[in-house]
Amino acid sequence: QVQLVESGGGLAQPGGSLRLSCEAYGFIFSSYDMVWYRQPPENQRELVAEITRGGTINYADSVKGRFIISRDNAKNTWYLQMNSLRPEDTAVYYCNRRPAPFNWGQGIQVTVSS
């Protein structure tokens, strides 16, 4: 079955770290760009980070220097390492591919609070 399976997330204190994972099934992982989006409460979904097929990486200004996106083509998995977390990072996080993105799933809740 062609799908993405997200894992990780949860509750972290300000300044803490979390790692999200997204595993791909049923398609040639290395043929796609892989992205992370997030949707804060009562806000629009926004792009957080992307890593292209060629390895080019881009981040939203709000997470530069704190988040790290990476991919492991051998494991069909990509990751979002989130460091120095802030309350404003609280959101539902989503992974997806590009082109031919999947319909948005339930995502992973990340809550940053003391």
Protein backbone atom coordinates (compact mmCIF):
# COMPACT_ATOMS: atom_id res chain seq x y z
CA GLN A 1 0.00 0.00 0.00
CA VAL A 2 1.32 3.44 -0.94
CA GLN A 3 1.43 5.52 2.20
CA LEU A 4 3.43 7.57 4.65
CA VAL A 5 3.62 6.64 8.33
CA GLU A 6 4.53 9.40 10.76
CA SER A 7 5.90 8.87 14.25
CA GLY A 8 7.48 10.79 17.09
CA GLY A 9 6.23 14.04 18.52
CA GLY A 10 4.59 14.55 21.88
CA LEU A 11 5.23 17.00 24.69
CA ALA A 12 8.47 18.88 25.22
CA GLN A 13 9.56 21.70 27.47
CA PRO A 14 10.80 24.96 25.99
CA GLY A 15 14.42 24.46 24.98
CA GLY A 16 13.93 20.74 24.59
CA SER A 17 14.15 18.46 21.59
CA LEU A 18 11.97 16.04 19.70
CA ARG A 19 12.45 13.99 16.56
CA LEU A 20 9.79 13.20 14.00
CA SER A 21 10.06 10.36 11.53
CA CYS A 22 8.18 9.64 8.35
CA GLU A 23 8.48 6.27 6.65
CA ALA A 24 7.43 5.76 3.07
CA TYR A 25 5.79 2.63 1.73
CA GLY A 26 4.94 1.55 -1.76
CA PHE A 27 6.83 4.05 -3.90
CA ILE A 28 10.37 4.88 -4.92
CA PHE A 29 11.36 7.14 -2.08
CA SER A 30 14.47 8.54 -3.73
CA SER A 31 12.42 9.88 -6.65
CA TYR A 32 10.63 12.51 -4.57
CA ASP A 33 11.31 15.63 -2.59
CA MET A 34 10.23 15.13 1.02
CA VAL A 35 8.67 17.87 3.10
CA TRP A 36 7.50 18.69 6.60
CA TYR A 37 4.59 21.05 7.18
CA ARG A 38 2.93 22.16 10.37
CA GLN A 39 -0.36 23.72 11.33
CA PRO A 40 -0.41 25.71 14.57
CA PRO A 41 -3.70 26.10 16.41
CA GLU A 42 -6.06 28.40 14.51
CA ASN A 43 -3.48 29.02 11.78
CA GLN A 44 -2.81 27.93 8.24
CA ARG A 45 -0.61 24.97 7.39
CA GLU A 46 2.93 26.14 6.65
CA LEU A 47 6.05 24.62 5.18
CA VAL A 48 8.68 23.91 7.83
CA ALA A 49 11.44 22.16 5.91
CA GLU A 50 12.10 20.37 2.67
CA ILE A 51 14.80 18.10 1.34
CA THR A 52 14.93 17.51 -2.39
CA ARG A 53 15.86 14.43 -4.34
CA GLY A 54 19.22 16.02 -4.95
CA GLY A 55 19.76 16.78 -1.27
CA THR A 56 19.00 20.50 -1.31
CA ILE A 57 17.59 21.62 2.02
CA ASN A 58 15.42 24.62 2.82
CA TYR A 59 13.90 25.77 6.09
CA ALA A 60 11.28 28.25 7.13
CA ASP A 61 12.93 31.28 8.69
CA SER A 62 11.22 30.52 11.99
CA VAL A 63 13.06 27.21 12.41
CA LYS A 64 16.44 27.91 10.81
CA GLY A 65 19.29 26.97 13.10
CA ARG A 66 17.01 24.88 15.32
CA PHE A 67 15.47 22.18 13.12
CA ILE A 68 17.30 19.67 10.97
CA ILE A 69 15.72 17.69 8.15
CA SER A 70 17.40 14.57 6.87
CA ARG A 71 16.58 11.55 4.78
CA ASP A 72 17.75 7.97 4.69
CA ASN A 73 17.00 6.55 1.26
CA ALA A 74 18.04 3.08 2.35
CA LYS A 75 15.33 3.10 5.03
CA ASN A 76 12.75 5.02 2.99
CA THR A 77 12.52 7.40 5.91
CA TRP A 78 13.09 11.05 6.56
CA TYR A 79 13.34 12.90 9.82
CA LEU A 80 12.84 16.25 11.44
CA GLN A 81 15.10 16.84 14.41
CA MET A 82 13.65 19.72 16.39
CA ASN A 83 15.94 21.43 18.89
CA SER A 84 15.61 24.50 21.08
CA LEU A 85 11.86 24.12 20.92
CA ARG A 86 9.65 27.11 21.60
CA PRO A 87 5.99 27.33 22.58
CA GLU A 88 5.26 28.72 19.13
CA ASP A 89 6.45 25.43 17.61
CA THR A 90 3.31 23.85 19.03
CA ALA A 91 1.42 22.48 16.05
CA VAL A 92 0.31 19.39 14.21
CA TYR A 93 3.17 18.32 11.98
CA TYR A 94 2.72 16.58 8.65
CA CYS A 95 5.07 14.87 6.26
CA ASN A 96 4.45 14.57 2.56
CA ARG A 97 6.15 14.12 -0.75
CA ARG A 98 6.45 16.31 -3.81
CA PRO A 99 5.33 16.02 -6.55
CA ALA A 100 2.11 14.04 -6.30
CA PRO A 101 1.49 14.71 -2.62
CA PHE A 102 -0.82 12.51 -0.61
CA ASN A 103 -3.99 13.83 0.95
CA TRP A 104 -3.14 15.26 4.35
CA GLY A 105 -3.34 12.71 7.13
CA GLN A 106 -3.87 13.23 10.85
CA GLY A 107 -0.32 14.40 11.41
CA ILE A 108 1.63 14.33 14.66
CA GLN A 109 0.91 16.59 17.59
CA VAL A 110 3.88 18.48 18.97
CA THR A 111 3.27 20.51 22.11
CA VAL A 112 5.90 22.73 23.66
CA SER A 113 4.98 23.83 27.13
CA SER A 114 6.40 24.08 30.61
